[in-house]
Amino acid sequence: MFSKSKINEPGPKASETETPAAPVTSSATIPPADFKSSAPKSKPAPSILSSDLTIKGNLKTTGDIQIEGQVEGDIRAHLLTVGETATVKGEVMADDVVVNGRIVGRVRGLKVRLTSTARVEGDIIHKTIAIESGAHFEGSVQRQDNPLDVNGGKSKAAAADKAD
């Protein structure tokens, strides 16, 4: 396991330096087939809708969306960022919602953040919320443990009642 250091020993003889040395292998090295990177996989870049883009229709992704333009329709995403120049008319549902621009419609999110430039006209259903000073908000705020469940858990109870 331990070996004597060869730092203070005399160097190899001239005849030994001419012969090619066999590659040194260490039991501490891991074969490439067994190597697994401990670094997390790179996250894909968010989809960005530019300020000159207008979309009429629903958007649905498991990734991230950054909106700078206009959207008329419902949006489902993991992280939704509404830019300062953006307007969304429809229901928004995401794990994280950051509003810098305007939303007209219901907002559902685990984390909802309205920045100082936000303009929201509609209800917000959230687990946690942050509203910066200067944000405009017209509607109601409701806290739920699972705001992404649109049925609110009622469908399971109704189904159980009908089964009896």
C-alpha atoms as a PDB file:
ATOM      1  CA  MET A   1       0.000   0.000   0.000  1.00  0.00           C
ATOM      2  CA  PHE A   2       2.775   2.421   0.940  1.00  0.00           C
ATOM      3  CA  SER A   3       6.102   2.519  -0.826  1.00  0.00           C
ATOM      4  CA  LYS A   4       9.368   4.179  -0.056  1.00  0.00           C
ATOM      5  CA  SER A   5       9.799   7.510  -1.749  1.00  0.00           C
ATOM      6  CA  LYS A   6      12.408   7.542  -4.491  1.00  0.00           C
ATOM      7  CA  ILE A   7      13.137  11.246  -4.254  1.00  0.00           C
ATOM      8  CA  ASN A   8      16.491  10.822  -2.471  1.00  0.00           C
ATOM      9  CA  GLU A   9      17.638   7.775  -4.434  1.00  0.00           C
ATOM     10  CA  PRO A  10      20.093   8.192  -7.320  1.00  0.00           C
ATOM     11  CA  GLY A  11      18.596   8.542 -10.803  1.00  0.00           C
ATOM     12  CA  PRO A  12      18.423   5.692 -13.331  1.00  0.00           C
ATOM     13  CA  LYS A  13      21.531   4.554 -15.125  1.00  0.00           C
ATOM     14  CA  ALA A  14      22.083   5.771 -18.693  1.00  0.00           C
ATOM     15  CA  SER A  15      21.317   2.325 -20.068  1.00  0.00           C
ATOM     16  CA  GLU A  16      17.924   2.307 -18.284  1.00  0.00           C
ATOM     17  CA  THR A  17      16.804   5.635 -19.762  1.00  0.00           C
ATOM     18  CA  GLU A  18      17.145   4.369 -23.321  1.00  0.00           C
ATOM     19  CA  THR A  19      14.602   1.603 -22.839  1.00  0.00           C
ATOM     20  CA  PRO A  20      10.998   2.706 -23.011  1.00  0.00           C
ATOM     21  CA  ALA A  21       9.278   2.416 -19.673  1.00  0.00           C
ATOM     22  CA  ALA A  22       6.057   0.449 -19.347  1.00  0.00           C
ATOM     23  CA  PRO A  23       3.041   2.646 -18.622  1.00  0.00           C
ATOM     24  CA  VAL A  24       2.434   3.047 -14.919  1.00  0.00           C
ATOM     25  CA  THR A  25      -1.043   2.139 -13.770  1.00  0.00           C
ATOM     26  CA  SER A  26      -2.456   2.926 -10.395  1.00  0.00           C
ATOM     27  CA  SER A  27      -5.207   1.104  -8.593  1.00  0.00           C
ATOM     28  CA  ALA A  28      -6.605   4.538  -7.683  1.00  0.00           C
ATOM     29  CA  THR A  29      -7.523   5.348 -11.292  1.00  0.00           C
ATOM     30  CA  ILE A  30     -11.046   4.566 -12.384  1.00  0.00           C
ATOM     31  CA  PRO A  31     -11.599   2.936 -15.758  1.00  0.00           C
ATOM     32  CA  PRO A  32     -13.398   5.288 -18.199  1.00  0.00           C
ATOM     33  CA  ALA A  33     -16.392   2.938 -18.498  1.00  0.00           C
ATOM     34  CA  ASP A  34     -17.057   3.235 -14.760  1.00  0.00           C
ATOM     35  CA  PHE A  35     -16.611   7.017 -14.638  1.00  0.00           C
ATOM     36  CA  LYS A  36     -19.727   8.986 -13.766  1.00  0.00           C
ATOM     37  CA  SER A  37     -19.597  12.736 -13.671  1.00  0.00           C
ATOM     38  CA  SER A  38     -20.651  14.219 -10.363  1.00  0.00           C
ATOM     39  CA  ALA A  39     -21.507  17.487 -12.091  1.00  0.00           C
ATOM     40  CA  PRO A  40     -25.219  17.952 -12.824  1.00  0.00           C
ATOM     41  CA  LYS A  41     -26.393  17.700 -16.400  1.00  0.00           C
ATOM     42  CA  SER A  42     -26.545  21.053 -18.116  1.00  0.00           C
ATOM     43  CA  LYS A  43     -29.996  22.555 -18.074  1.00  0.00           C
ATOM     44  CA  PRO A  44     -31.379  23.512 -21.475  1.00  0.00           C
ATOM     45  CA  ALA A  45     -31.660  27.205 -22.204  1.00  0.00           C
ATOM     46  CA  PRO A  46     -35.080  28.805 -21.735  1.00  0.00           C
ATOM     47  CA  SER A  47     -37.333  29.370 -24.717  1.00  0.00           C
ATOM     48  CA  ILE A  48     -37.376  33.100 -25.394  1.00  0.00           C
ATOM     49  CA  LEU A  49     -40.264  34.817 -27.167  1.00  0.00           C
ATOM     50  CA  SER A  50     -38.911  38.125 -28.451  1.00  0.00           C
ATOM     51  CA  SER A  51     -40.624  41.484 -28.064  1.00  0.00           C
ATOM     52  CA  ASP A  52     -41.762  41.580 -31.726  1.00  0.00           C
ATOM     53  CA  LEU A  53     -43.525  38.191 -31.466  1.00  0.00           C
ATOM     54  CA  THR A  54     -47.285  37.761 -30.951  1.00  0.00           C
ATOM     55  CA  ILE A  55     -48.692  34.308 -30.247  1.00  0.00           C
ATOM     56  CA  LYS A  56     -52.368  33.357 -30.202  1.00  0.00           C
ATOM     57  CA  GLY A  57     -52.636  29.929 -28.646  1.00  0.00           C
ATOM     58  CA  ASN A  58     -51.583  27.904 -25.649  1.00  0.00           C
ATOM     59  CA  LEU A  59     -47.976  27.199 -24.679  1.00  0.00           C
ATOM     60  CA  LYS A  60     -46.967  24.077 -22.764  1.00  0.00           C
ATOM     61  CA  THR A  61     -43.473  22.916 -21.766  1.00  0.00           C
ATOM     62  CA  THR A  62     -41.653  21.192 -18.934  1.00  0.00           C
ATOM     63  CA  GLY A  63     -38.820  23.683 -19.396  1.00  0.00           C
ATOM     64  CA  ASP A  64     -38.440  27.409 -18.918  1.00  0.00           C
ATOM     65  CA  ILE A  65     -40.045  30.208 -20.936  1.00  0.00           C
ATOM     66  CA  GLN A  66     -39.094  33.857 -21.056  1.00  0.00           C
ATOM     67  CA  ILE A  67     -41.714  36.068 -22.688  1.00  0.00           C
ATOM     68  CA  GLU A  68     -40.893  39.505 -24.024  1.00  0.00           C
ATOM     69  CA  GLY A  69     -43.723  39.735 -26.597  1.00  0.00           C
ATOM     70  CA  GLN A  70     -47.493  39.200 -26.565  1.00  0.00           C
ATOM     71  CA  VAL A  71     -49.293  35.925 -25.779  1.00  0.00           C
ATOM     72  CA  GLU A  72     -53.035  35.365 -25.969  1.00  0.00           C
ATOM     73  CA  GLY A  73     -53.597  31.941 -24.443  1.00  0.00           C
ATOM     74  CA  ASP A  74     -52.771  29.767 -21.471  1.00  0.00           C
ATOM     75  CA  ILE A  75     -49.178  29.025 -20.494  1.00  0.00           C
ATOM     76  CA  ARG A  76     -47.808  25.982 -18.632  1.00  0.00           C
ATOM     77  CA  ALA A  77     -44.089  25.829 -17.786  1.00  0.00           C
ATOM     78  CA  HIS A  78     -41.537  25.012 -15.110  1.00  0.00           C
ATOM     79  CA  LEU A  79     -40.221  28.571 -14.834  1.00  0.00           C
ATOM     80  CA  LEU A  80     -42.062  31.429 -16.489  1.00  0.00           C
ATOM     81  CA  THR A  81     -40.521  34.871 -16.723  1.00  0.00           C
ATOM     82  CA  VAL A  82     -42.714  37.649 -18.084  1.00  0.00           C
ATOM     83  CA  GLY A  83     -40.485  40.480 -19.308  1.00  0.00           C
ATOM     84  CA  GLU A  84     -41.176  44.181 -18.813  1.00  0.00           C
ATOM     85  CA  THR A  85     -42.414  44.632 -22.389  1.00  0.00           C
ATOM     86  CA  ALA A  86     -44.549  41.457 -22.340  1.00  0.00           C
ATOM     87  CA  THR A  87     -48.308  41.056 -22.092  1.00  0.00           C
ATOM     88  CA  VAL A  88     -49.986  37.721 -21.357  1.00  0.00           C
ATOM     89  CA  LYS A  89     -53.766  37.343 -21.670  1.00  0.00           C
ATOM     90  CA  GLY A  90     -54.732  33.965 -20.276  1.00  0.00           C
ATOM     91  CA  GLU A  91     -54.108  31.605 -17.377  1.00  0.00           C
ATOM     92  CA  VAL A  92     -50.504  31.110 -16.292  1.00  0.00           C
ATOM     93  CA  MET A  93     -49.371  27.985 -14.462  1.00  0.00           C
ATOM     94  CA  ALA A  94     -45.749  27.284 -13.480  1.00  0.00           C
ATOM     95  CA  ASP A  95     -43.623  26.103 -10.588  1.00  0.00           C
ATOM     96  CA  ASP A  96     -41.945  29.526 -10.524  1.00  0.00           C
ATOM     97  CA  VAL A  97     -43.533  32.663 -11.961  1.00  0.00           C
ATOM     98  CA  VAL A  98     -41.630  35.937 -12.178  1.00  0.00           C
ATOM     99  CA  VAL A  99     -43.703  38.855 -13.457  1.00  0.00           C
ATOM    100  CA  ASN A 100     -41.958  41.976 -14.699  1.00  0.00           C
ATOM    101  CA  GLY A 101     -44.626  42.864 -17.289  1.00  0.00           C
ATOM    102  CA  ARG A 102     -48.396  42.503 -17.612  1.00  0.00           C
ATOM    103  CA  ILE A 103     -50.668  39.503 -17.056  1.00  0.00           C
ATOM    104  CA  VAL A 104     -54.432  39.598 -17.541  1.00  0.00           C
ATOM    105  CA  GLY A 105     -55.758  36.332 -16.133  1.00  0.00           C
ATOM    106  CA  ARG A 106     -55.270  33.844 -13.315  1.00  0.00           C
ATOM    107  CA  VAL A 107     -51.743  33.059 -12.082  1.00  0.00           C
ATOM    108  CA  ARG A 108     -50.997  29.690 -10.444  1.00  0.00           C
ATOM    109  CA  GLY A 109     -47.545  28.938  -9.078  1.00  0.00           C
ATOM    110  CA  LEU A 110     -45.610  27.376  -6.260  1.00  0.00           C
ATOM    111  CA  LYS A 111     -43.517  30.556  -6.107  1.00  0.00           C
ATOM    112  CA  VAL A 112     -44.940  33.761  -7.522  1.00  0.00           C
ATOM    113  CA  ARG A 113     -42.946  36.986  -7.631  1.00  0.00           C
ATOM    114  CA  LEU A 114     -44.269  40.346  -8.768  1.00  0.00           C
ATOM    115  CA  THR A 115     -41.475  42.829  -9.341  1.00  0.00           C
ATOM    116  CA  SER A 116     -41.859  46.596  -9.102  1.00  0.00           C
ATOM    117  CA  THR A 117     -42.756  46.809 -12.831  1.00  0.00           C
ATOM    118  CA  ALA A 118     -45.415  44.054 -12.687  1.00  0.00           C
ATOM    119  CA  ARG A 119     -49.051  44.650 -13.692  1.00  0.00           C
ATOM    120  CA  VAL A 120     -51.406  41.776 -12.836  1.00  0.00           C
ATOM    121  CA  GLU A 121     -55.169  41.789 -13.378  1.00  0.00           C
ATOM    122  CA  GLY A 122     -56.495  38.512 -12.064  1.00  0.00           C
ATOM    123  CA  ASP A 123     -56.377  36.091  -9.176  1.00  0.00           C
ATOM    124  CA  ILE A 124     -53.137  34.624  -7.855  1.00  0.00           C
ATOM    125  CA  ILE A 125     -53.093  31.134  -6.363  1.00  0.00           C
ATOM    126  CA  HIS A 126     -49.723  30.377  -4.805  1.00  0.00           C
ATOM    127  CA  LYS A 127     -47.733  28.506  -2.187  1.00  0.00           C
ATOM    128  CA  THR A 128     -45.342  31.418  -1.616  1.00  0.00           C
ATOM    129  CA  ILE A 129     -45.622  34.947  -2.964  1.00  0.00           C
ATOM    130  CA  ALA A 130     -43.461  38.064  -3.048  1.00  0.00           C
ATOM    131  CA  ILE A 131     -44.769  41.434  -4.173  1.00  0.00           C
ATOM    132  CA  GLU A 132     -42.270  44.253  -4.548  1.00  0.00           C
ATOM    133  CA  SER A 133     -43.137  47.847  -3.841  1.00  0.00           C
ATOM    134  CA  GLY A 134     -44.519  49.517  -6.966  1.00  0.00           C
ATOM    135  CA  ALA A 135     -46.207  46.410  -8.414  1.00  0.00           C
ATOM    136  CA  HIS A 136     -49.824  46.884  -9.551  1.00  0.00           C
ATOM    137  CA  PHE A 137     -52.185  44.058  -8.666  1.00  0.00           C
ATOM    138  CA  GLU A 138     -55.968  43.810  -9.029  1.00  0.00           C
ATOM    139  CA  GLY A 139     -57.534  40.549  -7.913  1.00  0.00           C
ATOM    140  CA  SER A 140     -57.518  38.110  -5.053  1.00  0.00           C
ATOM    141  CA  VAL A 141     -54.663  36.174  -3.513  1.00  0.00           C
ATOM    142  CA  GLN A 142     -55.151  32.633  -2.260  1.00  0.00           C
ATOM    143  CA  ARG A 143     -52.556  30.391  -0.655  1.00  0.00           C
ATOM    144  CA  GLN A 144     -52.704  26.642  -1.360  1.00  0.00           C
ATOM    145  CA  ASP A 145     -50.270  23.835  -0.582  1.00  0.00           C
ATOM    146  CA  ASN A 146     -50.587  22.602  -4.172  1.00  0.00           C
ATOM    147  CA  PRO A 147     -51.638  25.538  -6.362  1.00  0.00           C
ATOM    148  CA  LEU A 148     -50.848  23.632  -9.564  1.00  0.00           C
ATOM    149  CA  ASP A 149     -53.664  21.158  -8.853  1.00  0.00           C
ATOM    150  CA  VAL A 150     -56.485  22.849 -10.787  1.00  0.00           C
ATOM    151  CA  ASN A 151     -59.130  20.549  -9.259  1.00  0.00           C
ATOM    152  CA  GLY A 152     -58.001  21.395  -5.735  1.00  0.00           C
ATOM    153  CA  GLY A 153     -58.195  17.718  -4.750  1.00  0.00           C
ATOM    154  CA  LYS A 154     -61.995  17.778  -5.096  1.00  0.00           C
ATOM    155  CA  SER A 155     -62.107  15.381  -8.055  1.00  0.00           C
ATOM    156  CA  LYS A 156     -60.633  12.495  -6.013  1.00  0.00           C
ATOM    157  CA  ALA A 157     -63.143  13.036  -3.226  1.00  0.00           C
ATOM    158  CA  ALA A 158     -66.016  13.294  -5.725  1.00  0.00           C
ATOM    159  CA  ALA A 159     -64.866  10.113  -7.468  1.00  0.00           C
ATOM    160  CA  ALA A 160     -64.697   8.293  -4.123  1.00  0.00           C
ATOM    161  CA  ASP A 161     -68.223   9.447  -3.248  1.00  0.00           C
ATOM    162  CA  LYS A 162     -69.581   8.234  -6.595  1.00  0.00           C
ATOM    163  CA  ALA A 163     -67.878   4.828  -6.161  1.00  0.00           C
ATOM    164  CA  ASP A 164     -69.734   4.237  -2.860  1.00  0.00           C
END
